Amino acid sequence: MKDFSAQYMALSFTPTAAGDMLDAAVQQFSQKYAIDFLGRRYKYAEIGDLANRAAAGLQKLGVTKGVNVGLCLPNTPYSIIMYYAVLKAGGTVVNFNPLYTAHEMEMMVRDCGVDLMVSLDAAPIQEKVSQLVSRGLLKRVVICRLAEALPALKSLALQLFRRKDLGKVPHHAPYVEFSQLLKGPAWPSPVEIDPEKDIAVLQFTGGTTGTPKAAMLTHANVTVNVQQVAATMPKLERGAERVLGMLPFFHVFAMTAVMNLGLTIGAELLLLPKPDPKLLMHTIYKRRPTILPGVPTLFTAISNAAEKAGRTDLSFIKFCVSGGAPLSVEVMERFEHFSKSRILEGYGLSETSPVLTLSREALVKHGSVGPALPGTILEIRDPAHPETVLPQGERGEICVRGPQVMRGYYNKPEETAYVFTDGMFRTGDIGYLDEDGYLFIVDRIKDVILCGGFNVYPRVIEEAAYQHPAVQDAIAIGIPDAYRGQSPKLYVALRPGMEATGEEILAFLRGRLNPIETPKSVEIRENLPKTMVGKLSKKELVAEEAAKAQTGAA
């Protein structure tokens, strides 16, 4: 048995104010490049100065300790500057997905008491923000101009030829230009932060009960999780790495594994504001990132594009980290063949800042998300009796304790109490630990398909489907069944240029799944729904099947 805990016994992690991460990076890497945004490069000293001036400007607008500030930004330099500006001013960051509907944003604003929002002047975002202003929900809106963050020629092209992409922003209250924030003091007034108690980020999540709620991540949660991840990747070269920043920073995975970790090690972040395949591959070939955090669909997209272009040498990539969704063996092996580097699979949740486990280069196990990060305790417990710890190898609910685990859900004491038992956070995921302490995730509790008294795990069906050479993406869900209660149904999207029928894939699966697990049907679609991060999303298909059932019943 390989003991991964022993090698970390001497490690100690120091909780700090989250804003201190940027200060430390600026002090050590002042003249190195921190950001490349579509060709415009920013040094650490410049980012540090802008964050300090913006923090001072926010304080003049009333931001101080305990004030919740919304960030509704795609990946731009403003995302990083304003994230740290809010923290330095003493405020709490509330991350908003720019693709949320106005209704979803309103629920979040009301839930967290956000009355100051930072947003980009992109038309789709401004239309929704203006609705919140008109309803009296926002007292201040800080507008960040996209043109001012771009290289000179791209800025001019945007303003001359793509003005329709920019929203019309009034030049009066409650709107405040980002440039106005910078006109005051060069430094914010000091704010005393207790890392263990004060909240740095409110991160919205469906949690284990399905309803959106804000996880309270303390400054200690955020800063220690970065230290934990860095400790498991000792080969990172400080001040010399380039990190692909395609995962959106409003998602907790990218916040920690791309932005905060990247800045902590003095890397240059190669920012991509949207998932554009041409821009992605252009950036990869031109800037040659050495660290590539992603979700499985990103690794598939890069492999497909590289193969199509006949430029499959990606050996400049040193580290790959996959999270957010299960990584199939086929996707892993194909990408690793091109990059000559291992993909380290990890696991985490919004409630855990987010990283809990990460594979080690010394021992990668297919299908596993690796052992716990140092300082993290994993247990497998009986879902029906969460006080009962199950023996090694037995499947149950993954429960965790560690410095990265949230304080609770914002203004939701009952839901907070529900997800903690004996101080252990209940993840809502089903898994087991092997003899080496490696975690294997079976599925989410709420996604388990109940077939005539048997538990069927969608991930088992999906993994079998990925063994078919034509399958690129696969999603299994439960659909109503008059006899068994539920039956599995599989949706697949095929690889470019490949052909297969639903019946052919079903026949393929019959030799790999037992009769209970075998889907009732296989439906082939051109594309499967994905989240903004790029993870495959079940909820749209579940809703579609529920609507069909209702129509049929009517």
Protein backbone atom coordinates (compact mmCIF):
# COMPACT_ATOMS: atom_id res chain seq x y z
CA MET A 1 0.00 0.00 0.00
CA LYS A 2 1.38 3.41 -1.01
CA ASP A 3 1.06 5.85 1.92
CA PHE A 4 0.54 9.32 0.44
CA SER A 5 -0.13 10.94 3.82
CA ALA A 6 3.39 10.25 5.17
CA GLN A 7 5.16 12.44 2.60
CA TYR A 8 3.02 15.42 3.65
CA MET A 9 3.34 15.06 7.43
CA ALA A 10 5.89 17.90 7.63
CA LEU A 11 3.75 20.27 5.59
CA SER A 12 1.96 23.10 7.30
CA PHE A 13 -0.44 25.49 5.64
CA THR A 14 -0.80 29.13 6.62
CA PRO A 15 -4.24 30.73 6.27
CA THR A 16 -3.95 34.32 5.06
CA ALA A 17 -6.19 37.10 3.79
CA ALA A 18 -6.96 36.14 0.19
CA GLY A 19 -5.79 39.52 -1.12
CA ASP A 20 -2.33 38.75 0.22
CA MET A 21 -1.88 36.12 -2.52
CA LEU A 22 -1.65 38.84 -5.15
CA ASP A 23 0.60 41.02 -2.99
CA ALA A 24 3.05 38.14 -2.51
CA ALA A 25 3.07 37.43 -6.25
CA VAL A 26 3.68 41.08 -7.12
CA GLN A 27 6.53 41.30 -4.63
CA GLN A 28 8.24 38.20 -6.04
CA PHE A 29 7.40 38.44 -9.77
CA SER A 30 6.94 42.19 -10.26
CA GLN A 31 8.42 42.44 -13.77
CA LYS A 32 7.17 39.11 -15.10
CA TYR A 33 4.03 38.87 -17.20
CA ALA A 34 0.89 37.93 -15.30
CA ILE A 35 -1.74 38.04 -18.08
CA ASP A 36 -1.96 37.68 -21.84
CA PHE A 37 -5.40 38.83 -22.99
CA LEU A 38 -5.76 38.33 -26.73
CA GLY A 39 -2.26 39.71 -27.27
CA ARG A 40 -2.17 42.45 -24.64
CA ARG A 41 0.19 41.50 -21.84
CA TYR A 42 0.12 42.80 -18.28
CA LYS A 43 2.99 42.52 -15.80
CA TYR A 44 2.44 41.58 -12.16
CA ALA A 45 3.34 45.11 -11.05
CA GLU A 46 0.62 46.57 -13.29
CA ILE A 47 -2.05 44.13 -12.11
CA GLY A 48 -1.10 44.79 -8.49
CA ASP A 49 -1.32 48.57 -8.95
CA LEU A 50 -4.69 48.36 -10.72
CA ALA A 51 -6.11 46.08 -8.02
CA ASN A 52 -4.95 48.43 -5.25
CA ARG A 53 -6.36 51.53 -6.94
CA ALA A 54 -9.65 49.75 -7.72
CA ALA A 55 -9.87 48.59 -4.09
CA ALA A 56 -9.45 52.16 -2.88
CA GLY A 57 -12.15 53.24 -5.35
CA LEU A 58 -14.52 50.55 -4.09
CA GLN A 59 -13.99 51.72 -0.53
CA LYS A 60 -15.09 55.21 -1.61
CA LEU A 61 -18.28 53.58 -2.91
CA GLY A 62 -18.89 52.04 0.51
CA VAL A 63 -17.32 48.61 0.15
CA THR A 64 -15.89 47.43 3.42
CA LYS A 65 -15.82 44.31 5.56
CA GLY A 66 -18.98 42.27 5.17
CA VAL A 67 -20.22 43.98 1.99
CA ASN A 68 -21.12 41.50 -0.79
CA VAL A 69 -20.03 42.59 -4.28
CA GLY A 70 -21.19 40.83 -7.43
CA LEU A 71 -18.75 40.03 -10.25
CA CYS A 72 -20.47 39.29 -13.56
CA LEU A 73 -17.48 39.01 -15.88
CA PRO A 74 -16.09 36.63 -18.51
CA ASN A 75 -12.35 35.89 -18.43
CA THR A 76 -10.72 39.27 -18.91
CA PRO A 77 -8.05 41.18 -16.95
CA TYR A 78 -10.95 42.81 -15.08
CA SER A 79 -11.91 39.41 -13.64
CA ILE A 80 -8.62 39.19 -11.79
CA ILE A 81 -8.23 42.88 -10.95
CA MET A 82 -11.74 43.24 -9.50
CA TYR A 83 -11.68 39.90 -7.68
CA TYR A 84 -8.64 41.02 -5.73
CA ALA A 85 -9.87 44.62 -5.46
CA VAL A 86 -13.03 43.46 -3.68
CA LEU A 87 -11.01 41.30 -1.29
CA LYS A 88 -8.51 44.07 -0.58
CA ALA A 89 -11.33 46.52 0.12
CA GLY A 90 -12.59 44.04 2.72
CA GLY A 91 -15.63 42.93 0.72
CA THR A 92 -16.89 39.49 -0.24
CA VAL A 93 -16.90 38.32 -3.86
CA VAL A 94 -20.18 36.91 -5.19
CA ASN A 95 -19.55 35.16 -8.52
CA PHE A 96 -22.22 35.50 -11.23
CA ASN A 97 -22.27 33.52 -14.46
CA PRO A 98 -22.75 36.08 -17.31
CA LEU A 99 -24.95 33.54 -19.10
CA TYR A 100 -27.48 33.41 -16.27
CA THR A 101 -30.92 34.77 -17.10
CA ALA A 102 -32.04 38.03 -15.52
CA HIS A 103 -34.38 36.02 -13.31
CA GLU A 104 -31.55 33.78 -12.05
CA MET A 105 -29.38 36.82 -11.38
CA GLU A 106 -32.22 38.50 -9.49
CA MET A 107 -32.61 35.50 -7.18
CA MET A 108 -28.87 35.58 -6.41
CA VAL A 109 -28.86 39.34 -5.85
CA ARG A 110 -31.77 39.08 -3.42
CA ASP A 111 -30.35 36.02 -1.67
CA CYS A 112 -26.97 37.65 -0.96
CA GLY A 113 -28.04 41.25 -0.58
CA VAL A 114 -25.82 42.37 -3.46
CA ASP A 115 -26.39 46.02 -4.35
CA LEU A 116 -23.09 46.67 -6.16
CA MET A 117 -22.33 44.75 -9.35
CA VAL A 118 -19.17 44.77 -11.48
CA SER A 119 -19.86 43.90 -15.11
CA LEU A 120 -18.50 44.14 -18.64
CA ASP A 121 -20.02 46.50 -21.22
CA ALA A 122 -20.95 43.55 -23.47
CA ALA A 123 -24.55 43.94 -24.67
CA PRO A 124 -25.93 40.57 -23.43
CA ILE A 125 -24.62 41.24 -19.91
CA GLN A 126 -25.70 44.88 -19.77
CA GLU A 127 -29.25 44.06 -20.85
CA LYS A 128 -29.67 41.84 -17.77
CA VAL A 129 -27.85 44.17 -15.40
CA SER A 130 -30.00 47.11 -16.55
CA GLN A 131 -33.12 45.11 -15.66
CA LEU A 132 -31.80 44.70 -12.12
CA VAL A 133 -31.11 48.43 -11.96
CA SER A 134 -34.62 49.30 -13.21
CA ARG A 135 -36.12 47.11 -10.47
CA GLY A 136 -34.18 48.99 -7.84
CA LEU A 137 -32.05 45.98 -6.86
CA LEU A 138 -28.65 47.50 -7.67
CA LYS A 139 -27.48 50.80 -6.20
CA ARG A 140 -24.16 50.83 -8.05
CA VAL A 141 -22.82 49.20 -11.23
CA VAL A 142 -19.10 49.37 -12.06
CA ILE A 143 -18.68 49.16 -15.82
CA CYS A 144 -15.53 47.61 -17.28
CA ARG A 145 -14.92 48.57 -20.91
CA LEU A 146 -13.78 45.66 -23.06
CA ALA A 147 -12.04 47.96 -25.55
CA GLU A 148 -9.78 49.36 -22.83
CA ALA A 149 -8.42 45.89 -22.00
CA LEU A 150 -7.56 44.90 -25.59
CA PRO A 151 -4.46 45.54 -27.73
CA ALA A 152 -4.74 48.85 -29.62
CA LEU A 153 -5.74 47.44 -33.03
CA LYS A 154 -8.31 45.01 -31.62
CA SER A 155 -9.73 47.79 -29.46
CA LEU A 156 -10.15 50.04 -32.50
CA ALA A 157 -11.76 47.24 -34.53
CA LEU A 158 -14.23 46.53 -31.74
CA GLN A 159 -15.27 50.17 -31.47
CA LEU A 160 -15.51 50.71 -35.25
CA PHE A 161 -16.98 47.49 -36.57
CA ARG A 162 -18.60 45.64 -33.65
CA ARG A 163 -20.31 48.38 -31.70
CA LYS A 164 -23.52 46.35 -31.68
CA ASP A 165 -21.75 43.88 -29.37
CA LEU A 166 -21.37 46.61 -26.77
CA GLY A 167 -24.22 47.61 -24.49
CA LYS A 168 -25.45 51.17 -24.11
CA VAL A 169 -24.37 52.28 -20.66
CA PRO A 170 -25.69 55.57 -19.23
CA HIS A 171 -23.07 58.09 -18.10
CA HIS A 172 -24.78 58.79 -14.79
CA ALA A 173 -25.58 57.16 -11.46
CA PRO A 174 -25.81 54.35 -10.56
CA TYR A 175 -23.20 53.55 -13.25
CA VAL A 176 -19.52 54.09 -12.45
CA GLU A 177 -16.72 53.61 -14.98
CA PHE A 178 -13.85 51.33 -13.99
CA SER A 179 -11.49 54.16 -14.91
CA GLN A 180 -13.19 56.35 -12.28
CA LEU A 181 -12.30 53.86 -9.55
CA LEU A 182 -8.62 54.43 -10.30
CA LYS A 183 -8.59 58.20 -9.81
CA GLY A 184 -8.34 58.20 -6.03
CA PRO A 185 -5.69 56.89 -3.62
CA ALA A 186 -3.08 54.41 -4.84
CA TRP A 187 -3.72 52.14 -1.85
CA PRO A 188 -6.88 51.03 -0.04
CA SER A 189 -7.29 51.65 3.67
CA PRO A 190 -6.09 48.57 5.61
CA VAL A 191 -8.80 46.09 6.62
CA GLU A 192 -8.24 43.61 9.42
CA ILE A 193 -9.14 40.13 8.17
CA ASP A 194 -9.59 37.01 10.30
CA PRO A 195 -8.88 34.29 7.70
CA GLU A 196 -10.66 31.58 9.68
CA LYS A 197 -13.89 33.55 10.16
CA ASP A 198 -14.24 36.20 7.47
CA ILE A 199 -15.91 35.23 4.18
CA ALA A 200 -13.91 35.81 0.99
CA VAL A 201 -16.28 34.31 -1.60
CA LEU A 202 -19.94 33.38 -1.84
CA GLN A 203 -20.02 30.63 -4.44
CA PHE A 204 -23.43 29.52 -5.69
CA THR A 205 -24.07 25.82 -6.03
CA GLY A 206 -26.92 23.36 -6.27
CA GLY A 207 -25.30 21.66 -3.29
CA THR A 208 -26.46 18.26 -2.13
CA THR A 209 -30.14 19.22 -1.96
CA GLY A 210 -30.53 20.57 -5.49
CA THR A 211 -31.65 24.14 -4.74
CA PRO A 212 -29.20 27.00 -5.50
CA LYS A 213 -27.47 28.37 -2.42
CA ALA A 214 -24.30 30.29 -1.67
CA ALA A 215 -21.41 28.40 -0.07
CA MET A 216 -19.50 30.62 2.37
CA LEU A 217 -15.80 30.22 1.58
CA THR A 218 -13.54 31.88 4.13
CA HIS A 219 -10.20 33.49 3.35
CA ALA A 220 -8.60 30.42 4.96
CA ASN A 221 -10.62 28.04 2.77
CA VAL A 222 -9.50 29.81 -0.40
CA THR A 223 -5.83 30.38 0.46
CA VAL A 224 -5.13 27.01 2.06
CA ASN A 225 -6.71 25.11 -0.84
CA VAL A 226 -4.25 26.80 -3.21
CA GLN A 227 -1.38 25.74 -0.93
CA GLN A 228 -2.72 22.18 -0.78
CA VAL A 229 -2.88 21.86 -4.57
CA ALA A 230 0.58 23.41 -5.05
CA ALA A 231 2.04 20.95 -2.51
CA THR A 232 0.95 17.99 -4.67
CA MET A 233 2.60 19.44 -7.79
CA PRO A 234 6.24 19.99 -6.75
CA LYS A 235 7.55 20.12 -10.34
CA LEU A 236 5.85 23.46 -11.02
CA GLU A 237 8.52 26.01 -11.93
CA ARG A 238 7.79 29.29 -10.17
CA GLY A 239 7.86 32.29 -12.47
CA ALA A 240 8.14 30.19 -15.63
CA GLU A 241 4.79 28.49 -16.31
CA ARG A 242 2.02 29.52 -18.70
CA VAL A 243 -1.52 28.51 -17.72
CA LEU A 244 -4.37 28.22 -20.21
CA GLY A 245 -7.25 30.27 -18.78
CA MET A 246 -10.27 29.04 -20.71
CA LEU A 247 -12.28 27.75 -17.77
CA PRO A 248 -14.37 30.70 -16.52
CA PHE A 249 -13.12 32.29 -13.31
CA PHE A 250 -16.64 32.64 -11.90
CA HIS A 251 -16.53 28.84 -11.57
CA VAL A 252 -14.80 27.69 -8.40
CA PHE A 253 -12.52 25.19 -10.21
CA ALA A 254 -10.98 27.91 -12.37
CA MET A 255 -10.93 30.40 -9.50
CA THR A 256 -8.58 28.12 -7.55
CA ALA A 257 -6.80 25.91 -10.10
CA VAL A 258 -6.24 28.57 -12.77
CA MET A 259 -6.38 32.08 -11.31
CA ASN A 260 -5.27 31.79 -7.68
CA LEU A 261 -2.81 28.92 -8.20
CA GLY A 262 -1.42 30.49 -11.38
CA LEU A 263 -0.76 33.84 -9.71
CA THR A 264 0.68 32.19 -6.60
CA ILE A 265 3.38 30.45 -8.65
CA GLY A 266 4.08 33.51 -10.83
CA ALA A 267 2.66 32.00 -14.01
CA GLU A 268 1.37 33.93 -17.02
CA LEU A 269 -2.37 33.37 -17.47
CA LEU A 270 -3.45 33.05 -21.11
CA LEU A 271 -7.02 34.35 -20.90
CA LEU A 272 -9.75 33.32 -23.32
CA PRO A 273 -13.06 35.19 -22.82
CA LYS A 274 -15.25 32.57 -24.51
CA PRO A 275 -15.05 28.94 -25.72
CA ASP A 276 -14.02 29.66 -29.32
CA PRO A 277 -12.32 26.57 -30.89
CA LYS A 278 -10.24 28.61 -33.39
CA LEU A 279 -9.07 31.04 -30.73
CA LEU A 280 -8.32 28.14 -28.40
CA MET A 281 -6.06 26.33 -30.86
CA HIS A 282 -4.43 29.56 -32.04
CA THR A 283 -3.52 30.34 -28.42
CA ILE A 284 -2.26 26.81 -27.76
CA TYR A 285 0.03 26.76 -30.81
CA LYS A 286 1.23 30.37 -30.48
CA ARG A 287 1.68 30.71 -26.70
CA ARG A 288 2.35 27.03 -25.89
CA PRO A 289 0.80 26.74 -22.41
CA THR A 290 2.66 24.48 -19.99
CA ILE A 291 -0.28 23.94 -17.61
CA LEU A 292 -3.70 23.00 -18.92
CA PRO A 293 -6.57 22.74 -16.43
CA GLY A 294 -9.77 21.57 -18.09
CA VAL A 295 -12.86 19.44 -18.12
CA PRO A 296 -13.09 16.24 -20.22
CA THR A 297 -14.88 17.95 -23.11
CA LEU A 298 -11.98 20.43 -23.45
CA PHE A 299 -9.43 17.63 -23.82
CA THR A 300 -11.68 16.02 -26.44
CA ALA A 301 -12.03 19.29 -28.36
CA ILE A 302 -8.27 19.89 -28.38
CA SER A 303 -7.54 16.33 -29.53
CA ASN A 304 -10.09 16.59 -32.35
CA ALA A 305 -8.79 19.98 -33.52
CA ALA A 306 -5.14 18.92 -33.34
CA GLU A 307 -5.83 15.77 -35.32
CA LYS A 308 -7.85 17.67 -37.93
CA ALA A 309 -5.07 20.25 -38.36
CA GLY A 310 -2.36 17.59 -38.49
CA ARG A 311 -0.52 19.34 -35.63
CA THR A 312 -0.64 16.77 -32.88
CA ASP A 313 2.63 17.58 -31.13
CA LEU A 314 1.45 19.08 -27.82
CA SER A 315 4.50 17.97 -25.88
CA PHE A 316 5.09 21.50 -24.54
CA ILE A 317 2.22 20.88 -22.11
CA LYS A 318 3.78 19.71 -18.82
CA PHE A 319 0.78 19.41 -16.49
CA CYS A 320 -2.86 18.65 -17.19
CA VAL A 321 -5.55 18.65 -14.52
CA SER A 322 -9.06 17.41 -15.23
CA GLY A 323 -12.03 18.05 -13.00
CA GLY A 324 -15.74 18.81 -12.99
CA ALA A 325 -16.84 15.55 -14.63
CA PRO A 326 -15.71 11.93 -15.11
CA LEU A 327 -12.76 11.50 -17.48
CA SER A 328 -13.02 8.43 -19.67
CA VAL A 329 -9.97 6.25 -20.31
CA GLU A 330 -10.34 6.79 -24.06
CA VAL A 331 -10.28 10.60 -23.79
CA MET A 332 -7.35 10.45 -21.38
CA GLU A 333 -5.20 8.10 -23.46
CA ARG A 334 -5.84 9.96 -26.71
CA PHE A 335 -4.84 13.34 -25.29
CA GLU A 336 -1.85 11.93 -23.43
CA HIS A 337 -0.62 10.42 -26.70
CA PHE A 338 -0.45 13.94 -28.19
CA SER A 339 0.85 15.79 -25.14
CA LYS A 340 3.21 13.13 -23.77
CA SER A 341 2.06 14.23 -20.27
CA ARG A 342 -0.27 12.64 -17.78
CA ILE A 343 -3.71 14.06 -17.06
CA LEU A 344 -4.10 14.27 -13.28
CA GLU A 345 -7.75 13.86 -12.39
CA GLY A 346 -9.14 15.66 -9.36
CA TYR A 347 -12.39 15.99 -7.46
CA GLY A 348 -14.06 18.76 -5.53
CA LEU A 349 -17.16 20.83 -4.97
CA SER A 350 -18.07 24.49 -4.64
CA GLU A 351 -18.46 23.86 -0.92
CA THR A 352 -14.82 22.73 -0.65
CA SER A 353 -13.06 25.63 -2.40
CA PRO A 354 -13.10 23.24 -4.44
CA VAL A 355 -10.29 20.65 -4.52
CA LEU A 356 -10.46 17.57 -2.27
CA THR A 357 -8.43 14.98 -4.17
CA LEU A 358 -5.84 14.94 -6.94
CA SER A 359 -4.02 12.09 -8.66
CA ARG A 360 -0.27 11.94 -8.16
CA GLU A 361 2.14 11.55 -11.06
CA ALA A 362 3.82 8.70 -9.18
CA LEU A 363 0.66 6.61 -9.35
CA VAL A 364 -2.20 7.37 -11.75
CA LYS A 365 -5.13 4.96 -11.63
CA HIS A 366 -7.65 5.00 -14.45
CA GLY A 367 -11.11 5.78 -13.16
CA SER A 368 -9.85 7.31 -9.92
CA VAL A 369 -9.72 10.98 -8.91
CA GLY A 370 -6.70 10.28 -6.70
CA PRO A 371 -6.05 10.38 -2.96
CA ALA A 372 -7.01 13.20 -0.62
CA LEU A 373 -5.03 16.43 -0.62
CA PRO A 374 -2.73 16.86 2.39
CA GLY A 375 -4.66 17.90 5.47
CA THR A 376 -7.89 16.39 4.09
CA ILE A 377 -9.75 13.45 5.65
CA LEU A 378 -12.03 11.33 3.46
CA GLU A 379 -14.52 8.79 4.77
CA ILE A 380 -17.13 6.66 3.06
CA ARG A 381 -20.36 6.61 5.08
CA ASP A 382 -23.71 4.91 4.88
CA PRO A 383 -26.04 7.36 3.04
CA ALA A 384 -29.02 6.22 5.12
CA HIS A 385 -27.04 6.37 8.38
CA PRO A 386 -24.35 9.04 7.83
CA GLU A 387 -22.87 8.52 11.28
CA THR A 388 -21.73 5.03 10.18
CA VAL A 389 -18.31 4.76 8.50
CA LEU A 390 -18.13 1.94 5.92
CA PRO A 391 -15.11 -0.35 5.46
CA GLN A 392 -12.50 0.11 2.74
CA GLY A 393 -13.80 -0.87 -0.69
CA GLU A 394 -17.48 -0.51 0.15
CA ARG A 395 -19.60 2.02 -1.73
CA GLY A 396 -21.24 4.84 0.16
CA GLU A 397 -21.50 8.61 0.49
CA ILE A 398 -18.21 10.52 0.27
CA CYS A 399 -17.76 12.63 3.40
CA VAL A 400 -14.90 15.01 4.08
CA ARG A 401 -13.20 17.17 6.67
CA GLY A 402 -10.43 19.68 5.90
CA PRO A 403 -9.31 23.31 5.92
CA GLN A 404 -10.93 23.90 2.52
CA VAL A 405 -14.47 22.96 3.64
CA MET A 406 -16.93 25.87 3.73
CA ARG A 407 -18.36 27.43 6.89
CA GLY A 408 -21.87 26.71 5.62
CA TYR A 409 -24.56 28.06 3.31
CA TYR A 410 -25.25 31.78 3.46
CA ASN A 411 -28.38 32.51 5.53
CA LYS A 412 -29.43 28.84 5.37
CA PRO A 413 -28.75 27.27 8.80
CA GLU A 414 -31.10 24.31 8.26
CA GLU A 415 -29.51 23.31 4.97
CA THR A 416 -26.08 23.77 6.52
CA ALA A 417 -26.99 21.44 9.40
CA TYR A 418 -28.28 18.85 6.91
CA VAL A 419 -24.95 18.49 5.09
CA PHE A 420 -22.75 18.15 8.19
CA THR A 421 -22.59 15.04 10.38
CA ASP A 422 -19.99 14.76 13.16
CA GLY A 423 -18.16 17.70 11.56
CA MET A 424 -17.89 15.83 8.25
CA PHE A 425 -19.30 17.44 5.11
CA ARG A 426 -21.61 15.13 3.16
CA THR A 427 -20.88 15.60 -0.54
CA GLY A 428 -23.94 13.84 -1.97
CA ASP A 429 -21.63 11.72 -4.14
CA ILE A 430 -21.29 7.94 -4.03
CA GLY A 431 -17.84 6.39 -4.12
CA TYR A 432 -15.31 4.08 -2.49
CA LEU A 433 -11.67 4.11 -1.38
CA ASP A 434 -9.20 1.44 -2.49
CA GLU A 435 -6.25 0.02 -0.54
CA ASP A 436 -4.04 2.99 -1.55
CA GLY A 437 -6.54 5.59 -0.40
CA TYR A 438 -7.48 6.44 -3.98
CA LEU A 439 -11.05 7.64 -4.39
CA PHE A 440 -13.34 6.22 -7.06
CA ILE A 441 -16.58 8.11 -7.69
CA VAL A 442 -19.54 6.04 -8.72
CA ASP A 443 -22.22 8.71 -9.10
CA ARG A 444 -24.27 11.43 -7.44
CA ILE A 445 -26.90 10.20 -5.03
CA LYS A 446 -29.60 12.18 -6.82
CA ASP A 447 -28.55 10.76 -10.23
CA VAL A 448 -28.83 7.10 -9.22
CA ILE A 449 -31.46 5.34 -11.35
CA LEU A 450 -33.80 3.14 -9.28
CA CYS A 451 -34.73 0.14 -11.42
CA GLY A 452 -37.07 -2.29 -9.71
CA GLY A 453 -35.24 -2.07 -6.38
CA PHE A 454 -31.76 -2.05 -7.94
CA ASN A 455 -29.42 0.95 -7.97
CA VAL A 456 -28.09 1.68 -11.45
CA TYR A 457 -25.26 4.20 -11.71
CA PRO A 458 -25.31 6.35 -14.88
CA ARG A 459 -21.53 6.65 -14.85
CA VAL A 460 -21.18 2.87 -15.34
CA ILE A 461 -23.33 3.09 -18.48
CA GLU A 462 -21.46 6.14 -19.76
CA GLU A 463 -18.05 4.52 -19.24
CA ALA A 464 -19.21 1.50 -21.24
CA ALA A 465 -20.48 3.77 -24.03
CA TYR A 466 -17.11 5.55 -24.27
CA GLN A 467 -15.51 2.24 -25.20
CA HIS A 468 -17.35 2.42 -28.53
CA PRO A 469 -14.97 4.02 -31.07
CA ALA A 470 -17.67 6.33 -32.50
CA VAL A 471 -18.86 7.82 -29.21
CA GLN A 472 -17.55 11.26 -28.26
CA ASP A 473 -20.01 12.29 -25.49
CA ALA A 474 -22.45 10.22 -23.47
CA ILE A 475 -25.12 11.00 -20.88
CA ALA A 476 -27.27 8.39 -19.14
CA ILE A 477 -30.41 9.35 -17.23
CA GLY A 478 -33.41 7.59 -15.72
CA ILE A 479 -36.77 7.75 -17.49
CA PRO A 480 -40.17 6.63 -16.16
CA ASP A 481 -40.92 2.93 -16.51
CA ALA A 482 -44.35 1.58 -15.59
CA TYR A 483 -42.93 -1.78 -14.53
CA ARG A 484 -39.53 -0.97 -12.96
CA GLY A 485 -40.18 2.60 -11.83
CA GLN A 486 -37.23 3.87 -13.88
CA SER A 487 -35.15 2.60 -16.76
CA PRO A 488 -31.85 3.94 -18.12
CA LYS A 489 -31.79 5.92 -21.35
CA LEU A 490 -28.55 6.86 -23.07
CA TYR A 491 -27.87 9.93 -25.19
CA VAL A 492 -24.72 10.07 -27.30
CA ALA A 493 -22.95 12.47 -29.65
CA LEU A 494 -20.64 10.90 -32.21
CA ARG A 495 -17.08 11.82 -33.04
CA PRO A 496 -16.65 13.94 -36.19
CA GLY A 497 -16.67 11.75 -39.29
CA MET A 498 -17.89 8.65 -37.44
CA GLU A 499 -21.20 6.86 -37.95
CA ALA A 500 -23.26 4.54 -35.75
CA THR A 501 -26.93 3.89 -35.07
CA GLY A 502 -28.61 3.73 -31.71
CA GLU A 503 -29.25 0.02 -32.21
CA GLU A 504 -25.58 -0.63 -33.00
CA ILE A 505 -24.48 1.13 -29.81
CA LEU A 506 -27.13 -0.71 -27.82
CA ALA A 507 -25.89 -4.03 -29.16
CA PHE A 508 -22.35 -3.00 -28.21
CA LEU A 509 -23.46 -2.22 -24.65
CA ARG A 510 -25.30 -5.52 -24.14
CA GLY A 511 -21.98 -7.31 -23.96
CA ARG A 512 -20.61 -4.89 -21.37
CA LEU A 513 -23.55 -4.19 -19.04
CA ASN A 514 -25.87 -6.42 -17.09
CA PRO A 515 -29.56 -6.53 -18.11
CA ILE A 516 -30.60 -4.05 -15.40
CA GLU A 517 -27.96 -1.52 -16.47
CA THR A 518 -28.57 -1.88 -20.22
CA PRO A 519 -30.37 1.23 -21.53
CA LYS A 520 -33.93 0.92 -22.68
CA SER A 521 -32.98 3.03 -25.67
CA VAL A 522 -30.06 4.98 -27.16
CA GLU A 523 -30.69 8.34 -28.79
CA ILE A 524 -28.04 9.91 -31.02
CA ARG A 525 -27.81 13.70 -31.16
CA GLU A 526 -25.52 16.10 -32.93
CA ASN A 527 -24.55 17.72 -29.61
CA LEU A 528 -25.30 17.11 -25.95
CA PRO A 529 -26.04 19.96 -23.54
CA LYS A 530 -23.09 21.44 -21.67
CA THR A 531 -22.63 23.95 -18.89
CA MET A 532 -20.66 27.19 -19.33
CA VAL A 533 -17.61 25.37 -17.97
CA GLY A 534 -17.96 22.69 -20.63
CA LYS A 535 -19.25 19.88 -18.44
CA LEU A 536 -21.93 17.64 -19.91
CA SER A 537 -25.26 18.59 -18.35
CA LYS A 538 -28.06 16.15 -17.53
CA LYS A 539 -30.72 18.57 -16.31
CA GLU A 540 -31.92 19.64 -19.77
CA LEU A 541 -32.43 16.02 -20.83
CA VAL A 542 -34.14 15.13 -17.54
CA ALA A 543 -36.53 18.07 -17.99
CA GLU A 544 -37.19 17.06 -21.60
CA GLU A 545 -38.08 13.49 -20.62
CA ALA A 546 -40.28 14.74 -17.76
CA ALA A 547 -42.18 16.96 -20.22
CA LYS A 548 -42.66 13.97 -22.54
CA ALA A 549 -44.01 11.89 -19.65
CA GLN A 550 -46.50 14.62 -18.73
CA THR A 551 -47.66 14.97 -22.32
CA GLY A 552 -48.06 11.22 -22.60
CA ALA A 553 -50.01 11.08 -19.36
CA ALA A 554 -52.30 13.88 -20.54
